[in-house]
């Protein structure tokens, strides 16, 4: 790893969100611990950063709550967890730190991106969003075949979905469609496909990655996410990667982004100097092999913050 002068670098503030309320199976609540055990803090310190670990946002166990509406399961507890996360993320940015959020299912992005957007919204600025995922995460309570909210966060942040979540923080949308890029999709519901097409965001499928290469796609995505923005957030779902590299995820889909492509993606993010914040989600240690996926998560996080081969 290449270290740099910590005096010129922001403090990286780790926040764990051990939540699996938005998912269809248990286990991703242990994701933050697995990433910490894989050494994320020490690896980032080796790169020259000061790292502060804020611990975990409190999350109720699914067994302690009724699922509620079948079209938006666990809506109320998810709202409260995401709202607490929103406040933590905004506070980190307000004091000049860079939030690094460890999940947890991908519904946590509603809280993370709300907090980032709110920080810049207060200054009259907006953010871009690069979303890496095998899935579109563009369902709504009306379109979702499962009612699992981890399939709805991107739509929510664009102002599409349940008002309780859409209006978190008092304004919406949290990101403009022209500044949003979705990368790596390959498993999309039929109705969701229409929603994505009509949303106006840039969506890059795995066919696009195969045909054009990750470098060309990321160069384009960075331009879109940076256009008129103060910077951009990266929301990285580990199921965006190929299950051969990341077996520990609850919704694996064959034919995903390779380990090397993921590192290139994050290295290009780092090169811009415009990363406002980062989250990594959907690590399920129950399904993992010797914390292989936790180690991959640490690797891609470090690439986003300056890890280089030379």
C-alpha atoms as a PDB file:
ATOM      1  CA  UNK A   1       0.000   0.000   0.000  1.00  0.00           C
ATOM      2  CA  UNK A   2       1.044   3.581  -0.593  1.00  0.00           C
ATOM      3  CA  UNK A   3       0.773   5.899   2.407  1.00  0.00           C
ATOM      4  CA  UNK A   4       0.442   9.660   2.258  1.00  0.00           C
ATOM      5  CA  UNK A   5       0.705  12.614   4.620  1.00  0.00           C
ATOM      6  CA  UNK A   6      -2.231  12.330   7.018  1.00  0.00           C
ATOM      7  CA  UNK A   7      -2.216  16.128   7.509  1.00  0.00           C
ATOM      8  CA  UNK A   8      -3.573  16.596   3.977  1.00  0.00           C
ATOM      9  CA  UNK A   9      -6.238  13.890   4.223  1.00  0.00           C
ATOM     10  CA  UNK A  10      -9.716  14.005   5.771  1.00  0.00           C
ATOM     11  CA  UNK A  11     -10.591  11.829   8.724  1.00  0.00           C
ATOM     12  CA  UNK A  12     -12.482   8.759   7.562  1.00  0.00           C
ATOM     13  CA  UNK A  13     -15.416   8.118   9.877  1.00  0.00           C
ATOM     14  CA  UNK A  14     -16.660   4.528   9.876  1.00  0.00           C
ATOM     15  CA  UNK A  15     -20.326   3.921  10.663  1.00  0.00           C
ATOM     16  CA  UNK A  16     -21.748   0.402  10.815  1.00  0.00           C
ATOM     17  CA  UNK A  17     -25.409  -0.319  10.093  1.00  0.00           C
ATOM     18  CA  UNK A  18     -26.101  -3.961  11.061  1.00  0.00           C
ATOM     19  CA  UNK A  19     -29.508  -4.103   9.406  1.00  0.00           C
ATOM     20  CA  UNK A  20     -31.186  -6.871   7.465  1.00  0.00           C
ATOM     21  CA  UNK A  21     -34.755  -5.604   7.836  1.00  0.00           C
ATOM     22  CA  UNK A  22     -34.838  -4.666   4.163  1.00  0.00           C
ATOM     23  CA  UNK A  23     -33.616  -8.021   2.880  1.00  0.00           C
ATOM     24  CA  UNK A  24     -35.341 -11.317   2.248  1.00  0.00           C
ATOM     25  CA  UNK A  25     -32.948 -13.440   4.313  1.00  0.00           C
ATOM     26  CA  UNK A  26     -30.965 -13.034   7.520  1.00  0.00           C
ATOM     27  CA  UNK A  27     -27.235 -12.478   7.834  1.00  0.00           C
ATOM     28  CA  UNK A  28     -26.232  -9.107   6.378  1.00  0.00           C
ATOM     29  CA  UNK A  29     -26.622  -7.602   9.838  1.00  0.00           C
ATOM     30  CA  UNK A  30     -23.199  -9.155  10.536  1.00  0.00           C
ATOM     31  CA  UNK A  31     -21.623  -7.453   7.515  1.00  0.00           C
ATOM     32  CA  UNK A  32     -20.146  -4.454   9.377  1.00  0.00           C
ATOM     33  CA  UNK A  33     -18.399  -6.748  11.856  1.00  0.00           C
ATOM     34  CA  UNK A  34     -16.974  -8.899   9.065  1.00  0.00           C
ATOM     35  CA  UNK A  35     -15.515  -5.853   7.289  1.00  0.00           C
ATOM     36  CA  UNK A  36     -13.997  -4.609  10.532  1.00  0.00           C
ATOM     37  CA  UNK A  37     -12.567  -8.068  11.288  1.00  0.00           C
ATOM     38  CA  UNK A  38     -11.028  -8.087   7.798  1.00  0.00           C
ATOM     39  CA  UNK A  39      -9.023  -5.046   8.874  1.00  0.00           C
ATOM     40  CA  UNK A  40     -10.632  -2.042   7.219  1.00  0.00           C
ATOM     41  CA  UNK A  41      -9.469   0.387   9.898  1.00  0.00           C
ATOM     42  CA  UNK A  42      -5.822  -0.657   9.921  1.00  0.00           C
ATOM     43  CA  UNK A  43      -5.714  -0.867   6.108  1.00  0.00           C
ATOM     44  CA  UNK A  44      -6.967   2.712   5.755  1.00  0.00           C
ATOM     45  CA  UNK A  45      -4.518   3.926   8.401  1.00  0.00           C
ATOM     46  CA  UNK A  46      -1.692   2.355   6.390  1.00  0.00           C
ATOM     47  CA  UNK A  47      -2.756   4.632   3.530  1.00  0.00           C
ATOM     48  CA  UNK A  48      -2.119   7.639   5.776  1.00  0.00           C
ATOM     49  CA  UNK A  49      -5.642   8.381   6.974  1.00  0.00           C
ATOM     50  CA  UNK A  50      -6.884   9.093  10.442  1.00  0.00           C
ATOM     51  CA  UNK A  51      -9.739   6.651  10.999  1.00  0.00           C
ATOM     52  CA  UNK A  52     -12.471   7.155  13.581  1.00  0.00           C
ATOM     53  CA  UNK A  53     -14.926   4.319  14.172  1.00  0.00           C
ATOM     54  CA  UNK A  54     -18.300   5.569  15.382  1.00  0.00           C
ATOM     55  CA  UNK A  55     -19.562   2.057  16.068  1.00  0.00           C
ATOM     56  CA  UNK A  56     -22.976   0.929  14.879  1.00  0.00           C
ATOM     57  CA  UNK A  57     -26.347   2.554  14.438  1.00  0.00           C
ATOM     58  CA  UNK A  58     -28.872   0.752  16.634  1.00  0.00           C
ATOM     59  CA  UNK A  59     -31.094  -1.656  14.708  1.00  0.00           C
ATOM     60  CA  UNK A  60     -33.997  -3.740  16.086  1.00  0.00           C
ATOM     61  CA  UNK A  61     -34.058  -7.446  15.293  1.00  0.00           C
ATOM     62  CA  UNK A  62     -36.732  -8.485  12.778  1.00  0.00           C
ATOM     63  CA  UNK A  63     -38.107 -10.918  15.342  1.00  0.00           C
ATOM     64  CA  UNK A  64     -38.879  -7.972  17.618  1.00  0.00           C
ATOM     65  CA  UNK A  65     -40.976  -6.123  15.033  1.00  0.00           C
ATOM     66  CA  UNK A  66     -44.007  -6.953  12.907  1.00  0.00           C
ATOM     67  CA  UNK A  67     -43.321  -6.716   9.156  1.00  0.00           C
ATOM     68  CA  UNK A  68     -46.313  -4.449   8.651  1.00  0.00           C
ATOM     69  CA  UNK A  69     -47.419  -3.662   5.101  1.00  0.00           C
ATOM     70  CA  UNK A  70     -46.542  -6.577   2.811  1.00  0.00           C
ATOM     71  CA  UNK A  71     -45.725  -4.084   0.035  1.00  0.00           C
ATOM     72  CA  UNK A  72     -43.061  -2.334   2.146  1.00  0.00           C
ATOM     73  CA  UNK A  73     -41.940  -4.738   4.852  1.00  0.00           C
ATOM     74  CA  UNK A  74     -40.544  -3.264   8.093  1.00  0.00           C
ATOM     75  CA  UNK A  75     -41.127   0.245   6.779  1.00  0.00           C
ATOM     76  CA  UNK A  76     -41.236   1.979  10.165  1.00  0.00           C
ATOM     77  CA  UNK A  77     -38.096   0.460  11.734  1.00  0.00           C
ATOM     78  CA  UNK A  78     -36.210   0.949   8.461  1.00  0.00           C
ATOM     79  CA  UNK A  79     -37.277   4.586   8.433  1.00  0.00           C
ATOM     80  CA  UNK A  80     -36.003   5.141  11.976  1.00  0.00           C
ATOM     81  CA  UNK A  81     -32.674   3.384  11.382  1.00  0.00           C
ATOM     82  CA  UNK A  82     -32.098   5.328   8.158  1.00  0.00           C
ATOM     83  CA  UNK A  83     -33.051   8.589   9.832  1.00  0.00           C
ATOM     84  CA  UNK A  84     -30.514   7.996  12.607  1.00  0.00           C
ATOM     85  CA  UNK A  85     -27.920   7.156   9.951  1.00  0.00           C
ATOM     86  CA  UNK A  86     -28.817  10.331   8.036  1.00  0.00           C
ATOM     87  CA  UNK A  87     -28.021  12.436  11.090  1.00  0.00           C
ATOM     88  CA  UNK A  88     -24.694  10.681  11.693  1.00  0.00           C
ATOM     89  CA  UNK A  89     -23.605  11.072   8.078  1.00  0.00           C
ATOM     90  CA  UNK A  90     -24.540  14.741   7.942  1.00  0.00           C
ATOM     91  CA  UNK A  91     -22.745  15.408  11.224  1.00  0.00           C
ATOM     92  CA  UNK A  92     -19.583  13.728   9.916  1.00  0.00           C
ATOM     93  CA  UNK A  93     -19.609  15.871   6.779  1.00  0.00           C
ATOM     94  CA  UNK A  94     -20.429  19.029   8.748  1.00  0.00           C
ATOM     95  CA  UNK A  95     -17.251  18.550  10.787  1.00  0.00           C
ATOM     96  CA  UNK A  96     -15.126  17.925   7.704  1.00  0.00           C
ATOM     97  CA  UNK A  97     -14.899  14.122   7.863  1.00  0.00           C
ATOM     98  CA  UNK A  98     -15.610  11.598   5.105  1.00  0.00           C
ATOM     99  CA  UNK A  99     -18.289   9.020   6.024  1.00  0.00           C
ATOM    100  CA  UNK A 100     -17.584   5.369   5.195  1.00  0.00           C
ATOM    101  CA  UNK A 101     -20.755   3.404   5.879  1.00  0.00           C
ATOM    102  CA  UNK A 102     -20.633  -0.384   6.338  1.00  0.00           C
ATOM    103  CA  UNK A 103     -23.809  -2.423   5.773  1.00  0.00           C
ATOM    104  CA  UNK A 104     -26.134  -4.026   6.216  1.00  0.00           C
ATOM    105  CA  UNK A 105     -28.696  -4.429   3.437  1.00  0.00           C
ATOM    106  CA  UNK A 106     -28.879  -1.813   0.696  1.00  0.00           C
ATOM    107  CA  UNK A 107     -31.911  -0.039   2.141  1.00  0.00           C
ATOM    108  CA  UNK A 108     -29.399   1.776   4.385  1.00  0.00           C
ATOM    109  CA  UNK A 109     -28.492   3.913   1.351  1.00  0.00           C
ATOM    110  CA  UNK A 110     -31.713   5.843   1.935  1.00  0.00           C
ATOM    111  CA  UNK A 111     -30.163   7.150   5.147  1.00  0.00           C
ATOM    112  CA  UNK A 112     -26.611   7.555   3.872  1.00  0.00           C
ATOM    113  CA  UNK A 113     -27.452   9.476   0.705  1.00  0.00           C
ATOM    114  CA  UNK A 114     -30.075  11.550   2.510  1.00  0.00           C
ATOM    115  CA  UNK A 115     -27.415  12.701   4.972  1.00  0.00           C
ATOM    116  CA  UNK A 116     -24.871  13.489   2.262  1.00  0.00           C
ATOM    117  CA  UNK A 117     -27.421  15.299   0.130  1.00  0.00           C
ATOM    118  CA  UNK A 118     -28.718  17.276   3.094  1.00  0.00           C
ATOM    119  CA  UNK A 119     -25.208  18.501   3.980  1.00  0.00           C
ATOM    120  CA  UNK A 120     -24.663  19.912   0.500  1.00  0.00           C
ATOM    121  CA  UNK A 121     -28.291  21.027   0.049  1.00  0.00           C
ATOM    122  CA  UNK A 122     -27.821  23.343   3.037  1.00  0.00           C
ATOM    123  CA  UNK A 123     -25.008  25.036   1.102  1.00  0.00           C
ATOM    124  CA  UNK A 124     -27.025  25.337  -2.098  1.00  0.00           C
ATOM    125  CA  UNK A 125     -25.150  22.463  -3.741  1.00  0.00           C
ATOM    126  CA  UNK A 126     -26.109  19.033  -5.023  1.00  0.00           C
ATOM    127  CA  UNK A 127     -24.376  15.660  -5.291  1.00  0.00           C
ATOM    128  CA  UNK A 128     -23.937  12.951  -7.885  1.00  0.00           C
ATOM    129  CA  UNK A 129     -24.419   9.247  -7.257  1.00  0.00           C
ATOM    130  CA  UNK A 130     -22.628   6.185  -8.633  1.00  0.00           C
ATOM    131  CA  UNK A 131     -24.555   3.035  -7.719  1.00  0.00           C
ATOM    132  CA  UNK A 132     -22.870  -0.347  -8.247  1.00  0.00           C
ATOM    133  CA  UNK A 133     -25.261  -3.289  -8.116  1.00  0.00           C
ATOM    134  CA  UNK A 134     -26.435  -6.476  -9.806  1.00  0.00           C
ATOM    135  CA  UNK A 135     -29.977  -5.195  -9.303  1.00  0.00           C
ATOM    136  CA  UNK A 136     -31.692  -1.956 -10.221  1.00  0.00           C
ATOM    137  CA  UNK A 137     -32.994  -1.158  -6.724  1.00  0.00           C
ATOM    138  CA  UNK A 138     -35.633   0.864  -8.563  1.00  0.00           C
ATOM    139  CA  UNK A 139     -38.750  -0.934  -7.377  1.00  0.00           C
ATOM    140  CA  UNK A 140     -41.565   0.762  -5.489  1.00  0.00           C
ATOM    141  CA  UNK A 141     -44.045  -0.708  -3.015  1.00  0.00           C
ATOM    142  CA  UNK A 142     -46.457  -1.072  -5.939  1.00  0.00           C
ATOM    143  CA  UNK A 143     -43.995  -2.791  -8.298  1.00  0.00           C
ATOM    144  CA  UNK A 144     -41.945  -4.940  -5.929  1.00  0.00           C
ATOM    145  CA  UNK A 145     -42.639  -8.677  -6.111  1.00  0.00           C
ATOM    146  CA  UNK A 146     -41.344  -9.180  -2.544  1.00  0.00           C
ATOM    147  CA  UNK A 147     -42.000  -5.968  -0.602  1.00  0.00           C
ATOM    148  CA  UNK A 148     -38.348  -5.985   0.501  1.00  0.00           C
ATOM    149  CA  UNK A 149     -37.168  -2.395   0.803  1.00  0.00           C
ATOM    150  CA  UNK A 150     -33.567  -3.231  -0.149  1.00  0.00           C
ATOM    151  CA  UNK A 151     -34.938  -3.393  -3.706  1.00  0.00           C
ATOM    152  CA  UNK A 152     -36.271   0.190  -3.507  1.00  0.00           C
ATOM    153  CA  UNK A 153     -33.577   2.608  -2.259  1.00  0.00           C
ATOM    154  CA  UNK A 154     -32.419   4.106  -5.557  1.00  0.00           C
ATOM    155  CA  UNK A 155     -35.987   4.850  -6.624  1.00  0.00           C
ATOM    156  CA  UNK A 156     -36.615   6.384  -3.193  1.00  0.00           C
ATOM    157  CA  UNK A 157     -33.628   8.717  -3.496  1.00  0.00           C
ATOM    158  CA  UNK A 158     -34.894   9.838  -6.905  1.00  0.00           C
ATOM    159  CA  UNK A 159     -38.236  10.743  -5.333  1.00  0.00           C
ATOM    160  CA  UNK A 160     -40.134   7.632  -6.421  1.00  0.00           C
ATOM    161  CA  UNK A 161     -41.713   5.439  -3.759  1.00  0.00           C
ATOM    162  CA  UNK A 162     -43.212   5.535  -0.283  1.00  0.00           C
ATOM    163  CA  UNK A 163     -43.612   9.149   0.936  1.00  0.00           C
ATOM    164  CA  UNK A 164     -42.331   8.226   4.407  1.00  0.00           C
ATOM    165  CA  UNK A 165     -38.925   7.374   2.932  1.00  0.00           C
ATOM    166  CA  UNK A 166     -38.909   9.750  -0.044  1.00  0.00           C
ATOM    167  CA  UNK A 167     -39.410  12.805   2.190  1.00  0.00           C
ATOM    168  CA  UNK A 168     -36.748  11.923   4.770  1.00  0.00           C
ATOM    169  CA  UNK A 169     -34.838  15.059   5.739  1.00  0.00           C
ATOM    170  CA  UNK A 170     -37.594  17.339   4.471  1.00  0.00           C
ATOM    171  CA  UNK A 171     -36.796  17.531   0.758  1.00  0.00           C
ATOM    172  CA  UNK A 172     -36.769  15.371  -2.341  1.00  0.00           C
ATOM    173  CA  UNK A 173     -35.360  14.145  -4.601  1.00  0.00           C
ATOM    174  CA  UNK A 174     -32.004  13.618  -2.897  1.00  0.00           C
ATOM    175  CA  UNK A 175     -30.246  13.337  -6.269  1.00  0.00           C
ATOM    176  CA  UNK A 176     -31.107  14.522  -9.758  1.00  0.00           C
ATOM    177  CA  UNK A 177     -31.602  11.856 -12.376  1.00  0.00           C
ATOM    178  CA  UNK A 178     -28.994  13.371 -14.705  1.00  0.00           C
ATOM    179  CA  UNK A 179     -26.314  12.897 -12.013  1.00  0.00           C
ATOM    180  CA  UNK A 180     -27.085   9.238 -11.264  1.00  0.00           C
ATOM    181  CA  UNK A 181     -25.289   6.253 -12.826  1.00  0.00           C
ATOM    182  CA  UNK A 182     -26.152   2.609 -12.167  1.00  0.00           C
ATOM    183  CA  UNK A 183     -23.362   0.145 -13.009  1.00  0.00           C
ATOM    184  CA  UNK A 184     -23.271  -3.648 -13.270  1.00  0.00           C
ATOM    185  CA  UNK A 185     -26.966  -4.522 -13.453  1.00  0.00           C
ATOM    186  CA  UNK A 186     -27.910  -7.978 -14.708  1.00  0.00           C
ATOM    187  CA  UNK A 187     -30.964  -9.101 -12.694  1.00  0.00           C
ATOM    188  CA  UNK A 188     -33.956  -6.799 -13.197  1.00  0.00           C
ATOM    189  CA  UNK A 189     -37.667  -7.323 -12.516  1.00  0.00           C
ATOM    190  CA  UNK A 190     -39.972  -6.772 -15.515  1.00  0.00           C
ATOM    191  CA  UNK A 191     -41.758  -3.728 -14.109  1.00  0.00           C
ATOM    192  CA  UNK A 192     -38.517  -2.387 -12.693  1.00  0.00           C
ATOM    193  CA  UNK A 193     -37.010  -2.483 -16.189  1.00  0.00           C
ATOM    194  CA  UNK A 194     -39.636  -0.001 -17.321  1.00  0.00           C
ATOM    195  CA  UNK A 195     -39.070   2.198 -14.277  1.00  0.00           C
ATOM    196  CA  UNK A 196     -35.342   2.346 -14.988  1.00  0.00           C
ATOM    197  CA  UNK A 197     -35.889   3.193 -18.642  1.00  0.00           C
ATOM    198  CA  UNK A 198     -38.333   5.966 -17.809  1.00  0.00           C
ATOM    199  CA  UNK A 199     -36.352   7.374 -14.874  1.00  0.00           C
ATOM    200  CA  UNK A 200     -33.761   9.218 -16.942  1.00  0.00           C
ATOM    201  CA  UNK A 201     -30.739   7.832 -15.091  1.00  0.00           C
ATOM    202  CA  UNK A 202     -27.737   6.297 -16.887  1.00  0.00           C
ATOM    203  CA  UNK A 203     -27.812   2.529 -16.471  1.00  0.00           C
ATOM    204  CA  UNK A 204     -24.870   0.361 -17.537  1.00  0.00           C
ATOM    205  CA  UNK A 205     -25.581  -3.363 -17.776  1.00  0.00           C
ATOM    206  CA  UNK A 206     -22.986  -6.117 -17.655  1.00  0.00           C
ATOM    207  CA  UNK A 207     -23.266  -6.279 -21.440  1.00  0.00           C
ATOM    208  CA  UNK A 208     -22.100  -2.666 -21.510  1.00  0.00           C
ATOM    209  CA  UNK A 209     -19.179  -3.578 -19.244  1.00  0.00           C
ATOM    210  CA  UNK A 210     -18.294  -6.512 -21.506  1.00  0.00           C
ATOM    211  CA  UNK A 211     -18.516  -4.503 -24.722  1.00  0.00           C
ATOM    212  CA  UNK A 212     -17.044  -1.180 -23.647  1.00  0.00           C
ATOM    213  CA  UNK A 213     -14.846  -2.036 -20.681  1.00  0.00           C
ATOM    214  CA  UNK A 214     -14.915  -0.629 -17.166  1.00  0.00           C
ATOM    215  CA  UNK A 215     -12.528   2.213 -17.933  1.00  0.00           C
ATOM    216  CA  UNK A 216     -14.768   3.779 -20.601  1.00  0.00           C
ATOM    217  CA  UNK A 217     -17.899   3.324 -18.512  1.00  0.00           C
ATOM    218  CA  UNK A 218     -16.372   4.845 -15.392  1.00  0.00           C
ATOM    219  CA  UNK A 219     -14.969   7.813 -17.292  1.00  0.00           C
ATOM    220  CA  UNK A 220     -18.474   8.518 -18.572  1.00  0.00           C
ATOM    221  CA  UNK A 221     -20.163   7.852 -15.214  1.00  0.00           C
ATOM    222  CA  UNK A 222     -17.771  10.173 -13.388  1.00  0.00           C
ATOM    223  CA  UNK A 223     -18.561  12.935 -15.891  1.00  0.00           C
ATOM    224  CA  UNK A 224     -22.301  12.538 -15.325  1.00  0.00           C
ATOM    225  CA  UNK A 225     -21.975  12.305 -11.531  1.00  0.00           C
ATOM    226  CA  UNK A 226     -19.689  15.363 -11.454  1.00  0.00           C
ATOM    227  CA  UNK A 227     -21.666  17.606 -13.798  1.00  0.00           C
ATOM    228  CA  UNK A 228     -22.731  20.613 -11.733  1.00  0.00           C
ATOM    229  CA  UNK A 229     -22.237  18.794  -8.425  1.00  0.00           C
ATOM    230  CA  UNK A 230     -20.076  19.302  -5.355  1.00  0.00           C
ATOM    231  CA  UNK A 231     -18.874  15.710  -5.734  1.00  0.00           C
ATOM    232  CA  UNK A 232     -20.440  12.286  -5.704  1.00  0.00           C
ATOM    233  CA  UNK A 233     -21.313   9.443  -3.370  1.00  0.00           C
ATOM    234  CA  UNK A 234     -20.530   5.829  -4.258  1.00  0.00           C
ATOM    235  CA  UNK A 235     -22.966   3.152  -3.096  1.00  0.00           C
ATOM    236  CA  UNK A 236     -21.341  -0.228  -3.660  1.00  0.00           C
ATOM    237  CA  UNK A 237     -23.456  -3.371  -3.303  1.00  0.00           C
ATOM    238  CA  UNK A 238     -21.127  -6.356  -3.115  1.00  0.00           C
ATOM    239  CA  UNK A 239     -23.552  -8.446  -5.181  1.00  0.00           C
ATOM    240  CA  UNK A 240     -22.524  -6.234  -8.083  1.00  0.00           C
ATOM    241  CA  UNK A 241     -19.373  -8.345  -8.143  1.00  0.00           C
ATOM    242  CA  UNK A 242     -19.132 -11.878  -9.447  1.00  0.00           C
ATOM    243  CA  UNK A 243     -20.010 -14.535  -6.832  1.00  0.00           C
ATOM    244  CA  UNK A 244     -16.707 -16.287  -7.531  1.00  0.00           C
ATOM    245  CA  UNK A 245     -14.978 -13.301  -5.938  1.00  0.00           C
ATOM    246  CA  UNK A 246     -17.715 -12.445  -3.435  1.00  0.00           C
ATOM    247  CA  UNK A 247     -19.584 -15.581  -2.321  1.00  0.00           C
ATOM    248  CA  UNK A 248     -20.859 -13.915   0.841  1.00  0.00           C
ATOM    249  CA  UNK A 249     -23.895 -12.050  -0.412  1.00  0.00           C
ATOM    250  CA  UNK A 250     -27.563 -12.926  -0.055  1.00  0.00           C
ATOM    251  CA  UNK A 251     -28.579 -12.239  -3.653  1.00  0.00           C
ATOM    252  CA  UNK A 252     -25.726 -13.563  -5.841  1.00  0.00           C
ATOM    253  CA  UNK A 253     -26.038 -13.312  -9.630  1.00  0.00           C
ATOM    254  CA  UNK A 254     -23.536 -14.986 -11.951  1.00  0.00           C
ATOM    255  CA  UNK A 255     -21.514 -12.962 -14.424  1.00  0.00           C
ATOM    256  CA  UNK A 256     -20.762  -9.879 -12.349  1.00  0.00           C
ATOM    257  CA  UNK A 257     -17.973  -7.343 -12.054  1.00  0.00           C
ATOM    258  CA  UNK A 258     -14.610  -8.994 -11.500  1.00  0.00           C
ATOM    259  CA  UNK A 259     -12.267  -8.257  -8.618  1.00  0.00           C
ATOM    260  CA  UNK A 260      -9.939  -6.348 -10.920  1.00  0.00           C
ATOM    261  CA  UNK A 261     -12.782  -4.380 -12.560  1.00  0.00           C
ATOM    262  CA  UNK A 262     -14.056  -3.385  -9.111  1.00  0.00           C
ATOM    263  CA  UNK A 263     -10.622  -2.128  -8.134  1.00  0.00           C
ATOM    264  CA  UNK A 264     -10.305  -0.170 -11.375  1.00  0.00           C
ATOM    265  CA  UNK A 265     -13.718   1.384 -10.742  1.00  0.00           C
ATOM    266  CA  UNK A 266     -12.665   2.497  -7.272  1.00  0.00           C
ATOM    267  CA  UNK A 267      -9.197   3.636  -8.379  1.00  0.00           C
ATOM    268  CA  UNK A 268     -10.808   5.894 -10.971  1.00  0.00           C
ATOM    269  CA  UNK A 269     -13.123   7.256  -8.278  1.00  0.00           C
ATOM    270  CA  UNK A 270     -10.083   8.013  -6.121  1.00  0.00           C
ATOM    271  CA  UNK A 271      -8.286   9.738  -9.001  1.00  0.00           C
ATOM    272  CA  UNK A 272     -11.043  12.358  -9.257  1.00  0.00           C
ATOM    273  CA  UNK A 273     -10.674  13.659  -5.702  1.00  0.00           C
ATOM    274  CA  UNK A 274     -14.450  14.229  -5.770  1.00  0.00           C
ATOM    275  CA  UNK A 275     -15.659  11.348  -3.584  1.00  0.00           C
ATOM    276  CA  UNK A 276     -17.875  12.812  -0.861  1.00  0.00           C
ATOM    277  CA  UNK A 277     -18.668   9.540   0.897  1.00  0.00           C
ATOM    278  CA  UNK A 278     -18.800   5.771   0.422  1.00  0.00           C
ATOM    279  CA  UNK A 279     -20.886   2.837   1.530  1.00  0.00           C
ATOM    280  CA  UNK A 280     -20.470  -0.903   1.027  1.00  0.00           C
ATOM    281  CA  UNK A 281     -23.502  -3.124   1.528  1.00  0.00           C
ATOM    282  CA  UNK A 282     -24.974  -6.635   1.408  1.00  0.00           C
ATOM    283  CA  UNK A 283     -22.085  -8.642   2.890  1.00  0.00           C
ATOM    284  CA  UNK A 284     -23.544 -11.817   4.407  1.00  0.00           C
ATOM    285  CA  UNK A 285     -20.892 -13.658   6.462  1.00  0.00           C
ATOM    286  CA  UNK A 286     -23.195 -16.690   6.900  1.00  0.00           C
ATOM    287  CA  UNK A 287     -22.782 -17.399   3.184  1.00  0.00           C
ATOM    288  CA  UNK A 288     -19.103 -16.435   2.982  1.00  0.00           C
ATOM    289  CA  UNK A 289     -15.976 -18.601   2.837  1.00  0.00           C
ATOM    290  CA  UNK A 290     -13.361 -17.707   5.491  1.00  0.00           C
ATOM    291  CA  UNK A 291     -14.362 -14.031   5.280  1.00  0.00           C
ATOM    292  CA  UNK A 292     -13.219 -13.869   1.649  1.00  0.00           C
ATOM    293  CA  UNK A 293     -15.929 -11.336   0.839  1.00  0.00           C
ATOM    294  CA  UNK A 294     -15.003  -9.216   3.856  1.00  0.00           C
ATOM    295  CA  UNK A 295     -11.427  -9.063   2.594  1.00  0.00           C
ATOM    296  CA  UNK A 296     -12.612  -8.094  -0.894  1.00  0.00           C
ATOM    297  CA  UNK A 297     -14.743  -5.340   0.664  1.00  0.00           C
ATOM    298  CA  UNK A 298     -11.682  -3.954   2.441  1.00  0.00           C
ATOM    299  CA  UNK A 299      -9.708  -4.099  -0.793  1.00  0.00           C
ATOM    300  CA  UNK A 300     -12.233  -2.104  -2.829  1.00  0.00           C
ATOM    301  CA  UNK A 301     -12.695   0.417   0.000  1.00  0.00           C
ATOM    302  CA  UNK A 302      -8.930   0.993   0.083  1.00  0.00           C
ATOM    303  CA  UNK A 303      -8.861   1.439  -3.697  1.00  0.00           C
ATOM    304  CA  UNK A 304     -11.424   4.219  -3.338  1.00  0.00           C
ATOM    305  CA  UNK A 305      -9.069   5.996  -0.922  1.00  0.00           C
ATOM    306  CA  UNK A 306      -5.843   5.780  -2.829  1.00  0.00           C
ATOM    307  CA  UNK A 307      -4.466   2.240  -2.684  1.00  0.00           C
ATOM    308  CA  UNK A 308      -2.286   1.662  -5.746  1.00  0.00           C
ATOM    309  CA  UNK A 309      -0.117  -1.101  -7.168  1.00  0.00           C
ATOM    310  CA  UNK A 310       2.817   1.336  -7.536  1.00  0.00           C
END
